[in-house]
């Protein structure tokens, strides 16, 4: 369902798929018996189909992975655990300080007079 970059090596082109990094792309290519140094536009139809078959059978990618992640967050929020509450409040989850920093989670500064 994803168009891979044409001129890149297959090993790195596969990482454009959500849920596949460099290590998992190397594993996929080893299982599919495809040379990782080959360029994407040099692949034969058999290579493409074998890569696709390995990904579909062994990896959760794209929409399925996004759906699973959002359901996990929703479950944490519903059971009202600490991580779920922090997700709802848009604060860091893993014990980082929030008095200063944490700007990525909290957004840009809101200046308050007299502080």
Foldseek 3Di string as FASTA:
>chain_A
DDDFDQFDFQLCSVCVWAQDDNVNSVVLCVQLVHDRRDTNNPDDPSSVVSSVVSCVVPHDTDPRVVVVVVVVLVVCLVVPDQQNVCVVVQFDRPPDDDVDDRCVRVPDDDDDPPD
